[in-house]
Amino acid sequence: MKCINKRLITFVTALLSIVSLSACGSSSYAIPYSPDSVYTSISSDMVDTFASDLCVVGSDITDGSISMSKNSCAGLFDLNKRETLFALNVNEQVDPASLTKIMTALVALKYGSLDQILTATEAVNINEAGAQLIGLKEGDTMTLDQALHILLIYSANDAGMLIADNIGGGVDAFVELMNEEAKEIGATKCHFTNPHGLTADDHYVTAYDMYLIFNAAMQYDEFQEIINMSTYSTVYSRADASTVEVNIKSTNGYLRGDRSAPSTITVIGGKTGTTNAAGHCLILLAKDSSGNPYIAVIMRAEDGDTLYSEMTALLEKITS
């Protein structure tokens, strides 16, 4: 594993086949966490950790200690030491499903304002069977802050379209911003065609790119807070001035309490994604008992049980 400044990451990514991997120094990181709170109050001091040097991995890093499906794409990154602890198929281009929404949130936070009022148009009408929706209708209004919560906690696809349609000049222009931002942060092996992650041609990422995108999104306090929330309640408005009450739960099994992380590991939050084409995907921010942070990602797991069993095994490697 090698650390580099993110201004050089695009160049280095192109040279991955000849990069020599070695360890780097550490930096401080702290996340106050209370399992009794709805979400963690996270200090802005941690932002510098995510804004500086990044990890690069050129090939698989496995030692046989983790039983991982051969089709899975997985990575475990030590953010303080800038060390890749595990890597399997991390540079393979795969369907990201709703992990796409992390890039949507990143672009929205960069180019939008949290108190900006978003108005739903026909763009929010998604008819794909089984698509996760909050039920937006044309004329509905809510703030970007509300939409981001619904997008990241509940993974509502219509919330993704609402955000994209209102920021950056429309959905197509917003998707262009997604691809431009990906290149800017060094995620050079991905391409997006929509803001929600429903299956589409020419829409793909790598597990390593997802690490970069998630890492960049963590620079925003709002993103950090949202991904740590297990529930969220809000009220938004219809075109006729009536209101809609929303009460949602996280799609993350660790935050819901449906799944258990290793006893010495605290899952801070993350994002799930599932489609027939993508399989089951999950990216997490976690910390060990000393408060050291890690990003763990698994993509293309065959089912939910496999996803969480493999993720728990990946998290166990932190303490091994």
Protein backbone atom coordinates (compact mmCIF):
# COMPACT_ATOMS: atom_id res chain seq x y z
CA MET A 1 0.00 0.00 0.00
CA LYS A 2 1.25 3.45 -0.81
CA CYS A 3 0.07 6.90 0.28
CA ILE A 4 -0.13 9.80 -2.13
CA ASN A 5 -1.57 13.30 -2.15
CA LYS A 6 -4.96 13.31 -3.85
CA ARG A 7 -3.80 15.86 -6.42
CA LEU A 8 -1.55 13.11 -7.78
CA ILE A 9 -3.96 10.23 -7.43
CA THR A 10 -5.17 10.27 -11.06
CA PHE A 11 -1.59 9.97 -12.31
CA VAL A 12 -0.70 7.25 -9.84
CA THR A 13 -3.86 5.26 -10.56
CA ALA A 14 -2.74 5.03 -14.18
CA LEU A 15 0.55 3.55 -12.99
CA LEU A 16 -0.90 1.04 -10.54
CA SER A 17 0.63 -1.89 -12.33
CA ILE A 18 4.12 -0.66 -11.40
CA VAL A 19 3.44 0.88 -8.00
CA SER A 20 5.39 -0.58 -5.10
CA LEU A 21 3.16 -0.86 -2.08
CA SER A 22 4.45 0.15 1.35
CA ALA A 23 3.15 1.47 4.68
CA CYS A 24 2.78 5.14 5.66
CA GLY A 25 2.60 7.21 8.83
CA SER A 26 -0.52 7.80 10.85
CA SER A 27 -2.58 10.85 11.80
CA SER A 28 -5.09 11.49 14.55
CA TYR A 29 -8.79 10.73 14.25
CA ALA A 30 -11.57 10.77 16.77
CA ILE A 31 -15.29 10.06 16.59
CA PRO A 32 -17.29 10.44 19.80
CA TYR A 33 -19.93 7.71 19.71
CA SER A 34 -22.83 6.80 21.93
CA PRO A 35 -24.93 3.73 21.10
CA ASP A 36 -27.82 5.42 22.91
CA SER A 37 -27.94 8.41 20.59
CA VAL A 38 -29.74 8.60 17.26
CA TYR A 39 -26.54 9.72 15.60
CA THR A 40 -22.99 10.50 16.57
CA SER A 41 -21.92 14.09 17.11
CA ILE A 42 -18.80 14.20 14.98
CA SER A 43 -16.20 16.93 15.37
CA SER A 44 -15.13 18.92 12.32
CA ASP A 45 -11.54 18.17 13.38
CA MET A 46 -11.87 14.79 11.69
CA VAL A 47 -12.38 16.35 8.26
CA ASP A 48 -8.64 16.85 7.72
CA THR A 49 -8.12 13.09 7.99
CA PHE A 50 -10.30 12.48 4.96
CA ALA A 51 -9.00 15.42 2.95
CA SER A 52 -5.31 14.54 2.87
CA ASP A 53 -3.43 11.50 1.62
CA LEU A 54 -5.19 8.43 0.25
CA CYS A 55 -4.37 4.76 -0.18
CA VAL A 56 -3.63 3.12 -3.51
CA VAL A 57 -3.78 -0.61 -4.13
CA GLY A 58 -2.61 -2.21 -7.34
CA SER A 59 -3.44 -5.89 -6.83
CA ASP A 60 -5.21 -8.29 -4.51
CA ILE A 61 -4.03 -8.31 -0.90
CA THR A 62 -5.25 -11.52 0.75
CA ASP A 63 -3.69 -13.93 3.20
CA GLY A 64 -6.33 -16.64 3.37
CA SER A 65 -7.64 -15.47 6.74
CA ILE A 66 -10.95 -14.28 5.27
CA SER A 67 -13.35 -16.59 3.47
CA MET A 68 -14.70 -14.41 0.66
CA SER A 69 -16.79 -15.41 -2.35
CA LYS A 70 -14.62 -15.43 -5.46
CA ASN A 71 -17.02 -13.07 -7.24
CA SER A 72 -17.08 -10.52 -4.43
CA CYS A 73 -15.16 -7.26 -4.68
CA ALA A 74 -13.91 -6.18 -1.27
CA GLY A 75 -11.49 -3.80 0.40
CA LEU A 76 -10.49 -2.79 3.92
CA PHE A 77 -8.59 0.46 4.41
CA ASP A 78 -6.89 1.73 7.57
CA LEU A 79 -7.43 5.50 7.39
CA ASN A 80 -4.85 6.50 10.00
CA LYS A 81 -2.00 4.33 8.76
CA ARG A 82 -3.10 4.72 5.13
CA GLU A 83 -2.74 0.98 4.78
CA THR A 84 -4.78 -1.48 2.74
CA LEU A 85 -5.47 -4.46 4.99
CA PHE A 86 -7.43 -6.50 2.45
CA ALA A 87 -8.17 -6.22 -1.26
CA LEU A 88 -10.03 -8.58 -3.58
CA ASN A 89 -11.04 -7.60 -7.12
CA VAL A 90 -11.01 -3.94 -6.03
CA ASN A 91 -10.20 -2.66 -9.53
CA GLU A 92 -12.88 -4.69 -11.30
CA GLN A 93 -15.68 -2.60 -12.82
CA VAL A 94 -19.06 -3.66 -11.42
CA ASP A 95 -22.58 -2.33 -11.00
CA PRO A 96 -22.78 -0.18 -7.83
CA ALA A 97 -26.55 -0.22 -7.25
CA SER A 98 -27.43 2.35 -4.57
CA LEU A 99 -23.82 2.97 -3.60
CA THR A 100 -24.25 5.43 -6.48
CA LYS A 101 -26.12 7.65 -4.05
CA ILE A 102 -22.89 8.45 -2.21
CA MET A 103 -21.65 10.25 -5.31
CA THR A 104 -25.06 11.92 -5.65
CA ALA A 105 -24.74 13.19 -2.08
CA LEU A 106 -21.16 14.34 -2.64
CA VAL A 107 -22.10 16.43 -5.68
CA ALA A 108 -25.21 17.82 -3.96
CA LEU A 109 -23.22 18.87 -0.90
CA LYS A 110 -20.56 20.51 -3.07
CA TYR A 111 -22.88 22.42 -5.39
CA GLY A 112 -26.07 22.85 -3.36
CA SER A 113 -27.17 24.45 -0.10
CA LEU A 114 -28.77 22.43 2.68
CA ASP A 115 -31.66 24.89 3.04
CA GLN A 116 -32.28 24.99 -0.72
CA ILE A 117 -35.90 24.18 -1.60
CA LEU A 118 -36.25 21.35 -4.11
CA THR A 119 -39.39 21.00 -6.22
CA ALA A 120 -40.39 17.67 -7.74
CA THR A 121 -41.08 17.44 -11.46
CA GLU A 122 -41.99 14.47 -13.62
CA ALA A 123 -38.38 13.33 -13.19
CA VAL A 124 -39.32 11.72 -9.85
CA ASN A 125 -41.73 9.31 -11.56
CA ILE A 126 -39.88 5.98 -11.42
CA ASN A 127 -41.84 2.96 -12.57
CA GLU A 128 -39.27 0.19 -12.21
CA ALA A 129 -40.72 -2.73 -10.27
CA GLY A 130 -39.24 -3.09 -6.81
CA ALA A 131 -37.50 0.28 -6.82
CA GLN A 132 -37.24 1.85 -3.35
CA LEU A 133 -39.35 5.03 -3.32
CA ILE A 134 -40.52 7.57 -0.79
CA GLY A 135 -43.55 8.34 -2.99
CA LEU A 136 -42.78 11.80 -4.34
CA LYS A 137 -45.27 13.46 -6.67
CA GLU A 138 -44.92 16.39 -9.04
CA GLY A 139 -45.09 19.66 -7.12
CA ASP A 140 -43.82 18.21 -3.83
CA THR A 141 -41.23 20.36 -2.06
CA MET A 142 -38.59 19.72 0.57
CA THR A 143 -35.14 21.02 1.44
CA LEU A 144 -31.92 19.50 0.19
CA ASP A 145 -31.19 18.53 3.79
CA GLN A 146 -34.41 16.50 3.96
CA ALA A 147 -33.78 14.91 0.58
CA LEU A 148 -30.25 13.86 1.54
CA HIS A 149 -31.53 12.15 4.68
CA ILE A 150 -34.14 10.25 2.68
CA LEU A 151 -31.57 9.41 -0.01
CA LEU A 152 -28.88 8.05 2.29
CA ILE A 153 -30.90 6.50 5.13
CA TYR A 154 -33.82 5.01 3.21
CA SER A 155 -32.14 4.85 -0.22
CA ALA A 156 -35.16 6.35 -1.99
CA ASN A 157 -34.54 6.49 -5.73
CA ASP A 158 -37.04 9.28 -6.31
CA ALA A 159 -35.14 11.40 -3.77
CA GLY A 160 -32.06 10.95 -5.95
CA MET A 161 -33.95 12.22 -8.99
CA LEU A 162 -35.34 15.14 -6.97
CA ILE A 163 -31.84 16.20 -5.97
CA ALA A 164 -30.36 15.79 -9.44
CA ASP A 165 -33.21 17.65 -11.15
CA ASN A 166 -32.83 20.68 -8.90
CA ILE A 167 -29.05 21.03 -8.68
CA GLY A 168 -26.62 21.61 -11.51
CA GLY A 169 -29.12 22.39 -14.25
CA GLY A 170 -31.17 19.21 -14.47
CA VAL A 171 -30.62 15.47 -14.25
CA ASP A 172 -28.33 15.13 -17.27
CA ALA A 173 -26.16 18.04 -16.17
CA PHE A 174 -26.04 16.67 -12.63
CA VAL A 175 -24.85 13.27 -13.86
CA GLU A 176 -22.12 15.05 -15.82
CA LEU A 177 -21.05 16.67 -12.55
CA MET A 178 -20.97 13.23 -10.92
CA ASN A 179 -18.54 11.99 -13.55
CA GLU A 180 -16.44 15.16 -13.40
CA GLU A 181 -16.23 14.96 -9.61
CA ALA A 182 -15.24 11.30 -9.80
CA LYS A 183 -12.30 12.16 -12.03
CA GLU A 184 -11.33 15.04 -9.76
CA ILE A 185 -10.97 12.76 -6.73
CA GLY A 186 -9.12 10.09 -8.71
CA ALA A 187 -11.99 7.64 -9.24
CA THR A 188 -11.00 7.07 -12.86
CA LYS A 189 -12.49 3.62 -13.47
CA CYS A 190 -16.13 4.51 -12.86
CA HIS A 191 -18.92 6.02 -14.93
CA PHE A 192 -22.40 7.13 -13.88
CA THR A 193 -25.51 7.52 -16.02
CA ASN A 194 -28.07 8.23 -13.28
CA PRO A 195 -28.16 9.59 -9.69
CA HIS A 196 -29.83 6.60 -8.00
CA GLY A 197 -28.07 3.43 -9.14
CA LEU A 198 -30.90 1.53 -10.76
CA THR A 199 -29.41 -0.75 -13.39
CA ALA A 200 -28.39 1.01 -16.59
CA ASP A 201 -25.92 0.48 -19.41
CA ASP A 202 -22.51 2.12 -18.95
CA HIS A 203 -23.08 2.63 -15.21
CA TYR A 204 -20.25 1.09 -13.20
CA VAL A 205 -17.63 1.61 -10.49
CA THR A 206 -14.85 -0.32 -8.81
CA ALA A 207 -14.66 -1.12 -5.11
CA TYR A 208 -11.55 1.06 -4.93
CA ASP A 209 -13.39 3.94 -6.58
CA MET A 210 -16.13 3.56 -3.97
CA TYR A 211 -13.50 3.91 -1.26
CA LEU A 212 -12.33 7.17 -2.87
CA ILE A 213 -15.88 8.50 -3.29
CA PHE A 214 -16.92 7.58 0.24
CA ASN A 215 -13.72 9.07 1.61
CA ALA A 216 -14.39 12.34 -0.22
CA ALA A 217 -18.00 12.50 0.99
CA MET A 218 -16.77 12.12 4.57
CA GLN A 219 -15.30 15.63 4.32
CA TYR A 220 -18.84 16.94 4.85
CA ASP A 221 -20.18 16.96 8.42
CA GLU A 222 -23.73 16.53 7.16
CA PHE A 223 -22.82 13.33 5.34
CA GLN A 224 -21.08 11.96 8.43
CA GLU A 225 -24.13 12.64 10.59
CA ILE A 226 -26.67 11.24 8.14
CA ILE A 227 -24.96 7.89 7.54
CA ASN A 228 -24.84 7.30 11.31
CA MET A 229 -28.60 7.70 11.78
CA SER A 230 -30.73 4.60 12.25
CA THR A 231 -34.05 6.47 11.94
CA TYR A 232 -35.30 9.77 10.58
CA SER A 233 -38.58 11.67 10.72
CA THR A 234 -39.59 14.75 8.76
CA VAL A 235 -42.51 16.49 7.04
CA TYR A 236 -42.56 17.78 3.47
CA SER A 237 -45.18 19.63 1.42
CA ARG A 238 -47.46 18.69 -1.46
CA ALA A 239 -48.33 21.07 -4.28
CA ASP A 240 -51.74 21.71 -2.68
CA ALA A 241 -50.04 22.84 0.56
CA SER A 242 -50.92 19.64 2.41
CA THR A 243 -48.10 17.86 4.21
CA VAL A 244 -46.65 14.36 4.23
CA GLU A 245 -45.08 12.87 7.34
CA VAL A 246 -42.09 10.61 6.78
CA ASN A 247 -40.72 8.08 9.27
CA ILE A 248 -37.95 5.93 7.89
CA LYS A 249 -35.39 3.39 9.10
CA SER A 250 -31.89 2.78 7.83
CA THR A 251 -31.29 0.05 5.28
CA ASN A 252 -28.03 -0.76 7.13
CA GLY A 253 -28.40 -3.97 9.12
CA TYR A 254 -25.71 -2.99 11.62
CA LEU A 255 -27.42 0.31 12.44
CA ARG A 256 -30.87 -1.31 12.64
CA GLY A 257 -29.55 -3.90 15.06
CA ASP A 258 -30.38 -6.80 12.74
CA ARG A 259 -26.68 -7.65 12.39
CA SER A 260 -23.85 -7.62 14.91
CA ALA A 261 -20.36 -6.31 14.28
CA PRO A 262 -17.37 -7.83 16.09
CA SER A 263 -17.38 -6.86 19.77
CA THR A 264 -14.34 -4.59 19.47
CA ILE A 265 -15.62 -2.78 16.37
CA THR A 266 -18.11 0.09 16.21
CA VAL A 267 -19.93 0.62 12.92
CA ILE A 268 -20.39 4.37 12.48
CA GLY A 269 -22.46 4.16 9.31
CA GLY A 270 -22.39 3.65 5.58
CA LYS A 271 -24.53 2.83 2.56
CA THR A 272 -26.20 -0.28 1.20
CA GLY A 273 -27.03 -1.17 -2.38
CA THR A 274 -28.94 -4.05 -3.95
CA THR A 275 -30.13 -4.87 -7.46
CA ASN A 276 -30.29 -8.10 -9.45
CA ALA A 277 -27.39 -6.92 -11.59
CA ALA A 278 -25.21 -5.61 -8.74
CA GLY A 279 -25.93 -8.23 -6.13
CA HIS A 280 -25.66 -7.03 -2.54
CA CYS A 281 -23.29 -4.17 -1.71
CA LEU A 282 -22.24 -2.35 1.46
CA ILE A 283 -19.66 0.29 2.35
CA LEU A 284 -18.98 1.23 5.97
CA LEU A 285 -17.05 3.56 8.20
CA ALA A 286 -16.02 1.67 11.34
CA LYS A 287 -13.63 2.19 14.24
CA ASP A 288 -11.68 -0.11 16.51
CA SER A 289 -11.61 0.01 20.32
CA SER A 290 -8.92 2.72 20.20
CA GLY A 291 -11.00 4.92 17.92
CA ASN A 292 -8.95 4.28 14.78
CA PRO A 293 -11.08 4.60 11.60
CA TYR A 294 -11.46 2.17 8.71
CA ILE A 295 -13.44 2.03 5.48
CA ALA A 296 -14.72 -1.42 4.52
CA VAL A 297 -16.48 -2.18 1.24
CA ILE A 298 -18.01 -5.30 -0.27
CA MET A 299 -19.73 -5.43 -3.65
CA ARG A 300 -21.41 -8.19 -5.67
CA ALA A 301 -22.21 -10.49 -2.73
CA GLU A 302 -24.70 -13.17 -3.76
CA ASP A 303 -27.28 -12.45 -1.05
CA GLY A 304 -27.86 -10.45 2.12
CA ASP A 305 -26.67 -13.13 4.52
CA THR A 306 -23.46 -13.58 2.57
CA LEU A 307 -22.92 -9.82 2.45
CA TYR A 308 -23.13 -9.37 6.20
CA SER A 309 -21.20 -12.52 7.10
CA GLU A 310 -18.39 -11.48 4.78
CA MET A 311 -18.48 -7.88 6.05
CA THR A 312 -18.29 -9.08 9.65
CA ALA A 313 -15.31 -11.26 8.73
CA LEU A 314 -13.70 -8.27 7.04
CA LEU A 315 -14.22 -6.14 10.15
CA GLU A 316 -12.75 -8.90 12.31
CA LYS A 317 -9.51 -8.53 10.37
CA ILE A 318 -9.10 -5.09 11.94
CA THR A 319 -8.29 -6.70 15.27
CA SER A 320 -6.40 -9.74 13.96
